[in-house]
PDB file of N, CA and C in Angstrom:
ATOM      1  N   MET A   1       0.821  -1.188   0.000  1.00  0.00           N
ATOM      2  CA  MET A   1       0.000   0.000   0.000  1.00  0.00           C
ATOM      3  C   MET A   1       0.867   1.255   0.000  1.00  0.00           C
ATOM      4  N   LYS A   2       1.954   1.233   0.808  1.00  0.00           N
ATOM      5  CA  LYS A   2       2.842   2.386   0.869  1.00  0.00           C
ATOM      6  C   LYS A   2       3.527   2.614  -0.469  1.00  0.00           C
ATOM      7  N   LYS A   3       3.887   1.526  -1.151  1.00  0.00           N
ATOM      8  CA  LYS A   3       4.550   1.656  -2.444  1.00  0.00           C
ATOM      9  C   LYS A   3       3.609   2.286  -3.458  1.00  0.00           C
ATOM     10  N   THR A   4       2.348   1.897  -3.442  1.00  0.00           N
ATOM     11  CA  THR A   4       1.369   2.436  -4.382  1.00  0.00           C
ATOM     12  C   THR A   4       1.150   3.924  -4.122  1.00  0.00           C
ATOM     13  N   LEU A   5       1.027   4.297  -2.874  1.00  0.00           N
ATOM     14  CA  LEU A   5       0.833   5.691  -2.504  1.00  0.00           C
ATOM     15  C   LEU A   5       2.060   6.529  -2.873  1.00  0.00           C
ATOM     16  N   SER A   6       3.233   5.986  -2.638  1.00  0.00           N
ATOM     17  CA  SER A   6       4.469   6.680  -2.977  1.00  0.00           C
ATOM     18  C   SER A   6       4.586   6.870  -4.484  1.00  0.00           C
ATOM     19  N   LEU A   7       4.245   5.851  -5.236  1.00  0.00           N
ATOM     20  CA  LEU A   7       4.290   5.925  -6.691  1.00  0.00           C
ATOM     21  C   LEU A   7       3.301   6.969  -7.202  1.00  0.00           C
ATOM     22  N   LEU A   8       2.117   6.987  -6.633  1.00  0.00           N
ATOM     23  CA  LEU A   8       1.099   7.955  -7.026  1.00  0.00           C
ATOM     24  C   LEU A   8       1.567   9.386  -6.741  1.00  0.00           C
ATOM     25  N   LEU A   9       2.141   9.602  -5.570  1.00  0.00           N
ATOM     26  CA  LEU A   9       2.655  10.930  -5.225  1.00  0.00           C
ATOM     27  C   LEU A   9       3.811  11.335  -6.134  1.00  0.00           C
ATOM     28  N   PHE A  10       4.649  10.392  -6.475  1.00  0.00           N
ATOM     29  CA  PHE A  10       5.775  10.665  -7.368  1.00  0.00           C
ATOM     30  C   PHE A  10       5.278  11.086  -8.750  1.00  0.00           C
ATOM     31  N   VAL A  11       4.289  10.398  -9.284  1.00  0.00           N
ATOM     32  CA  VAL A  11       3.739  10.721 -10.603  1.00  0.00           C
ATOM     33  C   VAL A  11       3.072  12.096 -10.572  1.00  0.00           C
ATOM     34  N   LEU A  12       2.342  12.385  -9.516  1.00  0.00           N
ATOM     35  CA  LEU A  12       1.697  13.696  -9.398  1.00  0.00           C
ATOM     36  C   LEU A  12       2.732  14.816  -9.313  1.00  0.00           C
ATOM     37  N   ALA A  13       3.801  14.576  -8.573  1.00  0.00           N
ATOM     38  CA  ALA A  13       4.849  15.581  -8.432  1.00  0.00           C
ATOM     39  C   ALA A  13       5.515  15.865  -9.772  1.00  0.00           C
ATOM     40  N   LEU A  14       5.675  14.859 -10.588  1.00  0.00           N
ATOM     41  CA  LEU A  14       6.281  15.060 -11.905  1.00  0.00           C
ATOM     42  C   LEU A  14       5.354  15.801 -12.850  1.00  0.00           C
ATOM     43  N   SER A  15       4.074  15.587 -12.752  1.00  0.00           N
ATOM     44  CA  SER A  15       3.139  16.226 -13.674  1.00  0.00           C
ATOM     45  C   SER A  15       2.768  17.643 -13.246  1.00  0.00           C
ATOM     46  N   PHE A  16       2.969  18.006 -11.996  1.00  0.00           N
ATOM     47  CA  PHE A  16       2.579  19.323 -11.499  1.00  0.00           C
ATOM     48  C   PHE A  16       3.322  20.460 -12.211  1.00  0.00           C
ATOM     49  N   PRO A  17       4.656  20.436 -12.365  1.00  0.00           N
ATOM     50  CA  PRO A  17       5.339  21.532 -13.059  1.00  0.00           C
ATOM     51  C   PRO A  17       4.880  21.671 -14.505  1.00  0.00           C
ATOM     52  N   ALA A  18       4.564  20.570 -15.174  1.00  0.00           N
ATOM     53  CA  ALA A  18       4.104  20.648 -16.556  1.00  0.00           C
ATOM     54  C   ALA A  18       2.753  21.347 -16.631  1.00  0.00           C
ATOM     55  N   ALA A  19       1.882  21.087 -15.664  1.00  0.00           N
ATOM     56  CA  ALA A  19       0.579  21.737 -15.639  1.00  0.00           C
ATOM     57  C   ALA A  19       0.740  23.229 -15.376  1.00  0.00           C
ATOM     58  N   MET A  20       1.630  23.612 -14.473  1.00  0.00           N
ATOM     59  CA  MET A  20       1.866  25.020 -14.187  1.00  0.00           C
ATOM     60  C   MET A  20       2.446  25.728 -15.405  1.00  0.00           C
ATOM     61  N   SER A  21       3.343  25.069 -16.121  1.00  0.00           N
ATOM     62  CA  SER A  21       3.941  25.651 -17.303  1.00  0.00           C
ATOM     63  C   SER A  21       2.883  25.874 -18.381  1.00  0.00           C
ATOM     64  N   ALA A  22       1.976  24.935 -18.551  1.00  0.00           N
ATOM     65  CA  ALA A  22       0.911  25.078 -19.539  1.00  0.00           C
ATOM     66  C   ALA A  22       0.002  26.242 -19.176  1.00  0.00           C
ATOM     67  N   GLN A  23      -0.290  26.428 -17.889  1.00  0.00           N
ATOM     68  CA  GLN A  23      -1.128  27.545 -17.468  1.00  0.00           C
ATOM     69  C   GLN A  23      -0.426  28.875 -17.732  1.00  0.00           C
ATOM     70  N   ASN A  24       0.866  28.956 -17.455  1.00  0.00           N
ATOM     71  CA  ASN A  24       1.614  30.186 -17.691  1.00  0.00           C
ATOM     72  C   ASN A  24       1.658  30.524 -19.173  1.00  0.00           C
ATOM     73  N   GLN A  25       1.844  29.509 -20.024  1.00  0.00           N
ATOM     74  CA  GLN A  25       1.882  29.751 -21.459  1.00  0.00           C
ATOM     75  C   GLN A  25       0.524  30.241 -21.952  1.00  0.00           C
ATOM     76  N   GLU A  26      -0.558  29.674 -21.451  1.00  0.00           N
ATOM     77  CA  GLU A  26      -1.896  30.102 -21.851  1.00  0.00           C
ATOM     78  C   GLU A  26      -2.149  31.544 -21.416  1.00  0.00           C
ATOM     79  N   ARG A  27      -1.718  31.906 -20.212  1.00  0.00           N
ATOM     80  CA  ARG A  27      -1.907  33.266 -19.715  1.00  0.00           C
ATOM     81  C   ARG A  27      -1.060  34.251 -20.518  1.00  0.00           C
ATOM     82  N   ASP A  28       0.161  33.866 -20.884  1.00  0.00           N
ATOM     83  CA  ASP A  28       1.047  34.750 -21.621  1.00  0.00           C
ATOM     84  C   ASP A  28       0.535  35.048 -23.019  1.00  0.00           C
ATOM     85  N   LYS A  29      -0.234  34.147 -23.611  1.00  0.00           N
ATOM     86  CA  LYS A  29      -0.777  34.379 -24.948  1.00  0.00           C
ATOM     87  C   LYS A  29      -1.715  35.582 -24.957  1.00  0.00           C
ATOM     88  N   HIS A  30      -2.434  35.780 -23.859  1.00  0.00           N
ATOM     89  CA  HIS A  30      -3.467  36.801 -23.822  1.00  0.00           C
ATOM     90  C   HIS A  30      -3.022  38.111 -23.183  1.00  0.00           C
ATOM     91  N   SER A  31      -1.876  38.116 -22.532  1.00  0.00           N
ATOM     92  CA  SER A  31      -1.446  39.352 -21.866  1.00  0.00           C
ATOM     93  C   SER A  31      -0.566  40.159 -22.816  1.00  0.00           C
ATOM     94  N   PRO A  32      -0.804  41.479 -22.885  1.00  0.00           N
ATOM     95  CA  PRO A  32       0.003  42.311 -23.770  1.00  0.00           C
ATOM     96  C   PRO A  32       1.414  42.485 -23.206  1.00  0.00           C
ATOM     97  N   VAL A  33       2.360  42.694 -24.086  1.00  0.00           N
ATOM     98  CA  VAL A  33       3.747  42.905 -23.691  1.00  0.00           C
ATOM     99  C   VAL A  33       3.987  44.405 -23.637  1.00  0.00           C
ATOM    100  N   ILE A  34       4.395  44.902 -22.478  1.00  0.00           N
ATOM    101  CA  ILE A  34       4.659  46.325 -22.295  1.00  0.00           C
ATOM    102  C   ILE A  34       6.079  46.486 -21.787  1.00  0.00           C
ATOM    103  N   ALA A  35       6.839  47.311 -22.453  1.00  0.00           N
ATOM    104  CA  ALA A  35       8.207  47.593 -22.019  1.00  0.00           C
ATOM    105  C   ALA A  35       8.140  48.703 -20.974  1.00  0.00           C
ATOM    106  N   VAL A  36       8.176  48.339 -19.716  1.00  0.00           N
ATOM    107  CA  VAL A  36       8.001  49.302 -18.630  1.00  0.00           C
ATOM    108  C   VAL A  36       9.166  50.275 -18.571  1.00  0.00           C
ATOM    109  N   ASP A  37      10.387  49.796 -18.805  1.00  0.00           N
ATOM    110  CA  ASP A  37      11.557  50.660 -18.705  1.00  0.00           C
ATOM    111  C   ASP A  37      11.499  51.815 -19.692  1.00  0.00           C
ATOM    112  N   SER A  38      10.941  51.589 -20.879  1.00  0.00           N
ATOM    113  CA  SER A  38      10.915  52.634 -21.883  1.00  0.00           C
ATOM    114  C   SER A  38       9.868  53.696 -21.568  1.00  0.00           C
ATOM    115  N   LEU A  39       8.927  53.418 -20.679  1.00  0.00           N
ATOM    116  CA  LEU A  39       7.872  54.367 -20.353  1.00  0.00           C
ATOM    117  C   LEU A  39       8.219  55.257 -19.167  1.00  0.00           C
ATOM    118  N   MET A  40       9.145  54.833 -18.353  1.00  0.00           N
ATOM    119  CA  MET A  40       9.490  55.588 -17.149  1.00  0.00           C
ATOM    120  C   MET A  40      10.362  56.792 -17.510  1.00  0.00           C
ATOM    121  N   PRO A  41      10.025  57.970 -16.963  1.00  0.00           N
ATOM    122  CA  PRO A  41      10.892  59.128 -17.203  1.00  0.00           C
ATOM    123  C   PRO A  41      12.243  58.942 -16.523  1.00  0.00           C
ATOM    124  N   GLU A  42      13.254  59.519 -17.118  1.00  0.00           N
ATOM    125  CA  GLU A  42      14.602  59.463 -16.555  1.00  0.00           C
ATOM    126  C   GLU A  42      15.084  60.890 -16.312  1.00  0.00           C
ATOM    127  N   MET A  43      15.701  61.111 -15.157  1.00  0.00           N
ATOM    128  CA  MET A  43      16.259  62.420 -14.795  1.00  0.00           C
ATOM    129  C   MET A  43      17.710  62.257 -14.410  1.00  0.00           C
ATOM    130  N   ASN A  44      18.502  63.238 -14.809  1.00  0.00           N
ATOM    131  CA  ASN A  44      19.896  63.265 -14.397  1.00  0.00           C
ATOM    132  C   ASN A  44      20.327  64.723 -14.314  1.00  0.00           C
ATOM    133  N   VAL A  45      21.222  65.030 -13.399  1.00  0.00           N
ATOM    134  CA  VAL A  45      21.739  66.387 -13.242  1.00  0.00           C
ATOM    135  C   VAL A  45      23.250  66.334 -13.382  1.00  0.00           C
ATOM    136  N   ALA A  46      23.774  67.214 -14.231  1.00  0.00           N
ATOM    137  CA  ALA A  46      25.226  67.352 -14.407  1.00  0.00           C
ATOM    138  C   ALA A  46      25.511  68.767 -14.895  1.00  0.00           C
ATOM    139  N   ASN A  47      26.578  69.356 -14.406  1.00  0.00           N
ATOM    140  CA  ASN A  47      27.005  70.701 -14.827  1.00  0.00           C
ATOM    141  C   ASN A  47      25.887  71.730 -14.688  1.00  0.00           C
ATOM    142  N   ASN A  48      25.117  71.643 -13.608  1.00  0.00           N
ATOM    143  CA  ASN A  48      24.023  72.576 -13.325  1.00  0.00           C
ATOM    144  C   ASN A  48      22.961  72.570 -14.433  1.00  0.00           C
ATOM    145  N   ARG A  49      22.768  71.413 -15.032  1.00  0.00           N
ATOM    146  CA  ARG A  49      21.727  71.211 -16.048  1.00  0.00           C
ATOM    147  C   ARG A  49      20.921  69.966 -15.714  1.00  0.00           C
ATOM    148  N   LEU A  50      19.640  70.004 -16.029  1.00  0.00           N
ATOM    149  CA  LEU A  50      18.744  68.869 -15.842  1.00  0.00           C
ATOM    150  C   LEU A  50      18.544  68.197 -17.189  1.00  0.00           C
ATOM    151  N   TYR A  51      18.824  66.904 -17.247  1.00  0.00           N
ATOM    152  CA  TYR A  51      18.646  66.113 -18.462  1.00  0.00           C
ATOM    153  C   TYR A  51      17.437  65.205 -18.274  1.00  0.00           C
ATOM    154  N   LEU A  52      16.471  65.306 -19.182  1.00  0.00           N
ATOM    155  CA  LEU A  52      15.258  64.500 -19.109  1.00  0.00           C
ATOM    156  C   LEU A  52      15.130  63.607 -20.329  1.00  0.00           C
ATOM    157  N   LYS A  53      14.590  62.424 -20.096  1.00  0.00           N
ATOM    158  CA  LYS A  53      14.327  61.476 -21.181  1.00  0.00           C
ATOM    159  C   LYS A  53      13.005  60.780 -20.850  1.00  0.00           C
ATOM    160  N   ASN A  54      12.152  60.592 -21.854  1.00  0.00           N
ATOM    161  CA  ASN A  54      10.832  59.961 -21.703  1.00  0.00           C
ATOM    162  C   ASN A  54       9.943  60.739 -20.733  1.00  0.00           C
ATOM    163  N   ALA A  55      10.077  62.036 -20.706  1.00  0.00           N
ATOM    164  CA  ALA A  55       9.305  62.870 -19.782  1.00  0.00           C
ATOM    165  C   ALA A  55       7.944  63.214 -20.392  1.00  0.00           C
ATOM    166  N   PRO A  56       6.906  63.323 -19.554  1.00  0.00           N
ATOM    167  CA  PRO A  56       5.586  63.693 -20.060  1.00  0.00           C
ATOM    168  C   PRO A  56       5.526  65.190 -20.373  1.00  0.00           C
ATOM    169  N   VAL A  57       5.256  65.519 -21.625  1.00  0.00           N
ATOM    170  CA  VAL A  57       5.205  66.912 -22.071  1.00  0.00           C
ATOM    171  C   VAL A  57       4.012  67.609 -21.410  1.00  0.00           C
ATOM    172  N   GLY A  58       4.231  68.859 -20.997  1.00  0.00           N
ATOM    173  CA  GLY A  58       3.180  69.634 -20.359  1.00  0.00           C
ATOM    174  C   GLY A  58       3.194  69.545 -18.846  1.00  0.00           C
ATOM    175  N   ARG A  59       3.943  68.624 -18.301  1.00  0.00           N
ATOM    176  CA  ARG A  59       4.072  68.496 -16.838  1.00  0.00           C
ATOM    177  C   ARG A  59       5.194  69.402 -16.368  1.00  0.00           C
ATOM    178  N   ARG A  60       5.451  69.370 -15.061  1.00  0.00           N
ATOM    179  CA  ARG A  60       6.527  70.202 -14.529  1.00  0.00           C
ATOM    180  C   ARG A  60       7.398  69.410 -13.553  1.00  0.00           C
ATOM    181  N   VAL A  61       8.625  69.859 -13.455  1.00  0.00           N
ATOM    182  CA  VAL A  61       9.577  69.311 -12.485  1.00  0.00           C
ATOM    183  C   VAL A  61       9.715  70.344 -11.377  1.00  0.00           C
ATOM    184  N   ASP A  62       9.465  69.928 -10.157  1.00  0.00           N
ATOM    185  CA  ASP A  62       9.642  70.798  -8.994  1.00  0.00           C
ATOM    186  C   ASP A  62      11.025  70.544  -8.411  1.00  0.00           C
ATOM    187  N   VAL A  63      11.757  71.622  -8.152  1.00  0.00           N
ATOM    188  CA  VAL A  63      13.077  71.531  -7.534  1.00  0.00           C
ATOM    189  C   VAL A  63      12.946  72.082  -6.123  1.00  0.00           C
ATOM    190  N   ILE A  64      13.297  71.243  -5.147  1.00  0.00           N
ATOM    191  CA  ILE A  64      13.075  71.566  -3.740  1.00  0.00           C
ATOM    192  C   ILE A  64      14.394  71.398  -2.979  1.00  0.00           C
ATOM    193  N   THR A  65      14.646  72.302  -2.049  1.00  0.00           N
ATOM    194  CA  THR A  65      15.846  72.177  -1.221  1.00  0.00           C
ATOM    195  C   THR A  65      15.639  71.059  -0.204  1.00  0.00           C
ATOM    196  N   ILE A  66      16.721  70.700   0.444  1.00  0.00           N
ATOM    197  CA  ILE A  66      16.667  69.641   1.454  1.00  0.00           C
ATOM    198  C   ILE A  66      15.733  70.011   2.602  1.00  0.00           C
ATOM    199  N   ILE A  67      15.621  71.295   2.912  1.00  0.00           N
ATOM    200  CA  ILE A  67      14.750  71.706   4.024  1.00  0.00           C
ATOM    201  C   ILE A  67      13.298  71.906   3.588  1.00  0.00           C
ATOM    202  N   GLY A  68      13.013  71.717   2.306  1.00  0.00           N
ATOM    203  CA  GLY A  68      11.631  71.725   1.848  1.00  0.00           C
ATOM    204  C   GLY A  68      11.158  72.964   1.126  1.00  0.00           C
ATOM    205  N   ASN A  69      12.052  73.900   0.822  1.00  0.00           N
ATOM    206  CA  ASN A  69      11.663  75.104   0.086  1.00  0.00           C
ATOM    207  C   ASN A  69      11.713  74.856  -1.417  1.00  0.00           C
ATOM    208  N   LYS A  70      10.626  75.163  -2.099  1.00  0.00           N
ATOM    209  CA  LYS A  70      10.593  75.023  -3.561  1.00  0.00           C
ATOM    210  C   LYS A  70      11.345  76.203  -4.166  1.00  0.00           C
ATOM    211  N   VAL A  71      12.395  75.909  -4.943  1.00  0.00           N
ATOM    212  CA  VAL A  71      13.226  76.971  -5.499  1.00  0.00           C
ATOM    213  C   VAL A  71      13.051  77.148  -6.993  1.00  0.00           C
ATOM    214  N   LYS A  72      12.472  76.154  -7.645  1.00  0.00           N
ATOM    215  CA  LYS A  72      12.338  76.252  -9.097  1.00  0.00           C
ATOM    216  C   LYS A  72      11.240  75.318  -9.569  1.00  0.00           C
ATOM    217  N   GLU A  73      10.595  75.732 -10.653  1.00  0.00           N
ATOM    218  CA  GLU A  73       9.580  74.911 -11.307  1.00  0.00           C
ATOM    219  C   GLU A  73       9.890  74.952 -12.793  1.00  0.00           C
ATOM    220  N   ILE A  74      10.121  73.786 -13.374  1.00  0.00           N
ATOM    221  CA  ILE A  74      10.512  73.708 -14.783  1.00  0.00           C
ATOM    222  C   ILE A  74       9.382  73.067 -15.576  1.00  0.00           C
ATOM    223  N   GLU A  75       8.875  73.794 -16.567  1.00  0.00           N
ATOM    224  CA  GLU A  75       7.823  73.276 -17.444  1.00  0.00           C
ATOM    225  C   GLU A  75       8.475  72.422 -18.530  1.00  0.00           C
ATOM    226  N   ILE A  76       7.986  71.205 -18.714  1.00  0.00           N
ATOM    227  CA  ILE A  76       8.559  70.290 -19.701  1.00  0.00           C
ATOM    228  C   ILE A  76       7.935  70.582 -21.063  1.00  0.00           C
ATOM    229  N   THR A  77       8.786  70.936 -22.013  1.00  0.00           N
ATOM    230  CA  THR A  77       8.310  71.290 -23.349  1.00  0.00           C
ATOM    231  C   THR A  77       8.561  70.203 -24.385  1.00  0.00           C
ATOM    232  N   ALA A  78       9.431  69.244 -24.058  1.00  0.00           N
ATOM    233  CA  ALA A  78       9.736  68.156 -24.983  1.00  0.00           C
ATOM    234  C   ALA A  78       9.992  66.883 -24.183  1.00  0.00           C
ATOM    235  N   SER A  79       9.758  65.752 -24.810  1.00  0.00           N
ATOM    236  CA  SER A  79       9.943  64.461 -24.140  1.00  0.00           C
ATOM    237  C   SER A  79      11.392  64.247 -23.707  1.00  0.00           C
ATOM    238  N   GLU A  80      12.314  64.723 -24.529  1.00  0.00           N
ATOM    239  CA  GLU A  80      13.735  64.652 -24.196  1.00  0.00           C
ATOM    240  C   GLU A  80      14.298  66.055 -24.281  1.00  0.00           C
ATOM    241  N   GLY A  81      15.027  66.470 -23.255  1.00  0.00           N
ATOM    242  CA  GLY A  81      15.567  67.812 -23.292  1.00  0.00           C
ATOM    243  C   GLY A  81      16.558  68.088 -22.192  1.00  0.00           C
ATOM    244  N   VAL A  82      17.197  69.255 -22.320  1.00  0.00           N
ATOM    245  CA  VAL A  82      18.181  69.724 -21.352  1.00  0.00           C
ATOM    246  C   VAL A  82      17.711  71.094 -20.867  1.00  0.00           C
ATOM    247  N   TYR A  83      17.686  71.289 -19.557  1.00  0.00           N
ATOM    248  CA  TYR A  83      17.212  72.533 -18.972  1.00  0.00           C
ATOM    249  C   TYR A  83      18.283  73.083 -18.042  1.00  0.00           C
ATOM    250  N   ASP A  84      18.612  74.382 -18.213  1.00  0.00           N
ATOM    251  CA  ASP A  84      19.575  75.033 -17.328  1.00  0.00           C
ATOM    252  C   ASP A  84      18.932  75.252 -15.973  1.00  0.00           C
ATOM    253  N   LEU A  85      19.677  74.958 -14.911  1.00  0.00           N
ATOM    254  CA  LEU A  85      19.134  75.075 -13.560  1.00  0.00           C
ATOM    255  C   LEU A  85      19.504  76.385 -12.871  1.00  0.00           C
ATOM    256  N   ASN A  86      20.733  76.843 -13.052  1.00  0.00           N
ATOM    257  CA  ASN A  86      21.225  78.053 -12.387  1.00  0.00           C
ATOM    258  C   ASN A  86      20.961  77.999 -10.882  1.00  0.00           C
ATOM    259  N   LEU A  87      21.364  76.913 -10.263  1.00  0.00           N
ATOM    260  CA  LEU A  87      21.186  76.726  -8.827  1.00  0.00           C
ATOM    261  C   LEU A  87      22.524  76.874  -8.109  1.00  0.00           C
ATOM    262  N   ARG A  88      22.466  77.271  -6.840  1.00  0.00           N
ATOM    263  CA  ARG A  88      23.668  77.300  -6.020  1.00  0.00           C
ATOM    264  C   ARG A  88      24.065  75.878  -5.668  1.00  0.00           C
ATOM    265  N   ARG A  89      25.291  75.724  -5.213  1.00  0.00           N
ATOM    266  CA  ARG A  89      25.754  74.401  -4.789  1.00  0.00           C
ATOM    267  C   ARG A  89      24.872  73.873  -3.672  1.00  0.00           C
ATOM    268  N   GLY A  90      24.606  72.570  -3.718  1.00  0.00           N
ATOM    269  CA  GLY A  90      23.825  71.969  -2.653  1.00  0.00           C
ATOM    270  C   GLY A  90      23.116  70.713  -3.118  1.00  0.00           C
ATOM    271  N   VAL A  91      22.352  70.157  -2.207  1.00  0.00           N
ATOM    272  CA  VAL A  91      21.579  68.950  -2.494  1.00  0.00           C
ATOM    273  C   VAL A  91      20.127  69.365  -2.704  1.00  0.00           C
ATOM    274  N   TYR A  92      19.537  68.888  -3.798  1.00  0.00           N
ATOM    275  CA  TYR A  92      18.171  69.252  -4.154  1.00  0.00           C
ATOM    276  C   TYR A  92      17.359  67.996  -4.442  1.00  0.00           C
ATOM    277  N   ILE A  93      16.065  68.135  -4.241  1.00  0.00           N
ATOM    278  CA  ILE A  93      15.127  67.061  -4.554  1.00  0.00           C
ATOM    279  C   ILE A  93      14.364  67.473  -5.803  1.00  0.00           C
ATOM    280  N   PHE A  94      14.306  66.570  -6.769  1.00  0.00           N
ATOM    281  CA  PHE A  94      13.604  66.820  -8.018  1.00  0.00           C
ATOM    282  C   PHE A  94      12.386  65.908  -8.082  1.00  0.00           C
ATOM    283  N   LYS A  95      11.200  66.500  -8.307  1.00  0.00           N
ATOM    284  CA  LYS A  95       9.962  65.731  -8.369  1.00  0.00           C
ATOM    285  C   LYS A  95       9.318  65.892  -9.743  1.00  0.00           C
ATOM    286  N   LEU A  96       8.976  64.773 -10.333  1.00  0.00           N
ATOM    287  CA  LEU A  96       8.248  64.748 -11.603  1.00  0.00           C
ATOM    288  C   LEU A  96       7.195  63.668 -11.480  1.00  0.00           C
ATOM    289  N   ASP A  97       5.941  64.063 -11.347  1.00  0.00           N
ATOM    290  CA  ASP A  97       4.837  63.133 -11.102  1.00  0.00           C
ATOM    291  C   ASP A  97       5.196  62.228  -9.916  1.00  0.00           C
ATOM    292  N   GLY A  98       5.306  60.922 -10.128  1.00  0.00           N
ATOM    293  CA  GLY A  98       5.633  59.992  -9.054  1.00  0.00           C
ATOM    294  C   GLY A  98       7.121  59.736  -8.909  1.00  0.00           C
ATOM    295  N   LEU A  99       7.926  60.339  -9.769  1.00  0.00           N
ATOM    296  CA  LEU A  99       9.373  60.132  -9.752  1.00  0.00           C
ATOM    297  C   LEU A  99      10.026  61.189  -8.873  1.00  0.00           C
ATOM    298  N   VAL A 100      10.776  60.752  -7.871  1.00  0.00           N
ATOM    299  CA  VAL A 100      11.474  61.679  -6.970  1.00  0.00           C
ATOM    300  C   VAL A 100      12.942  61.255  -6.918  1.00  0.00           C
ATOM    301  N   ARG A 101      13.822  62.225  -7.180  1.00  0.00           N
ATOM    302  CA  ARG A 101      15.262  61.941  -7.163  1.00  0.00           C
ATOM    303  C   ARG A 101      15.980  63.025  -6.367  1.00  0.00           C
ATOM    304  N   LYS A 102      17.097  62.660  -5.776  1.00  0.00           N
ATOM    305  CA  LYS A 102      17.937  63.594  -5.023  1.00  0.00           C
ATOM    306  C   LYS A 102      19.253  63.738  -5.783  1.00  0.00           C
ATOM    307  N   PHE A 103      19.645  65.010  -6.050  1.00  0.00           N
ATOM    308  CA  PHE A 103      20.876  65.264  -6.788  1.00  0.00           C
ATOM    309  C   PHE A 103      21.724  66.295  -6.070  1.00  0.00           C
ATOM    310  N   LEU A 104      23.018  66.172  -6.266  1.00  0.00           N
ATOM    311  CA  LEU A 104      23.984  67.139  -5.764  1.00  0.00           C
ATOM    312  C   LEU A 104      24.340  68.080  -6.918  1.00  0.00           C
ATOM    313  N   VAL A 105      24.126  69.363  -6.715  1.00  0.00           N
ATOM    314  CA  VAL A 105      24.472  70.362  -7.729  1.00  0.00           C
ATOM    315  C   VAL A 105      25.801  70.968  -7.292  1.00  0.00           C
ATOM    316  N   ARG A 106      26.785  70.947  -8.184  1.00  0.00           N
ATOM    317  CA  ARG A 106      28.118  71.473  -7.884  1.00  0.00           C
ATOM    318  C   ARG A 106      28.370  72.747  -8.623  1.00  0.00           C
TER     319      ARG A 106
END
């Protein structure tokens, strides 16, 4: 009896991954493929300039000091662009929709 039960469990264990794989393949046929990385905006600061890529046009980037004072608001005019900051040296927080980054301006 133990041998039969063990054999049955062994066969079920072998067939379980195949069933899961078939379910994943069926689900993947119907789900759309979206490249998430290409949709996310990218921000970088260098030489007192803000570099944007994949940014939503018409939105704005808020530049905030470490203590919470808003010092600049930049209107985005193109999906990819370079914007002069003209900021003093220091650490600033840049907010664009849900994207928040901290940069050191030298």
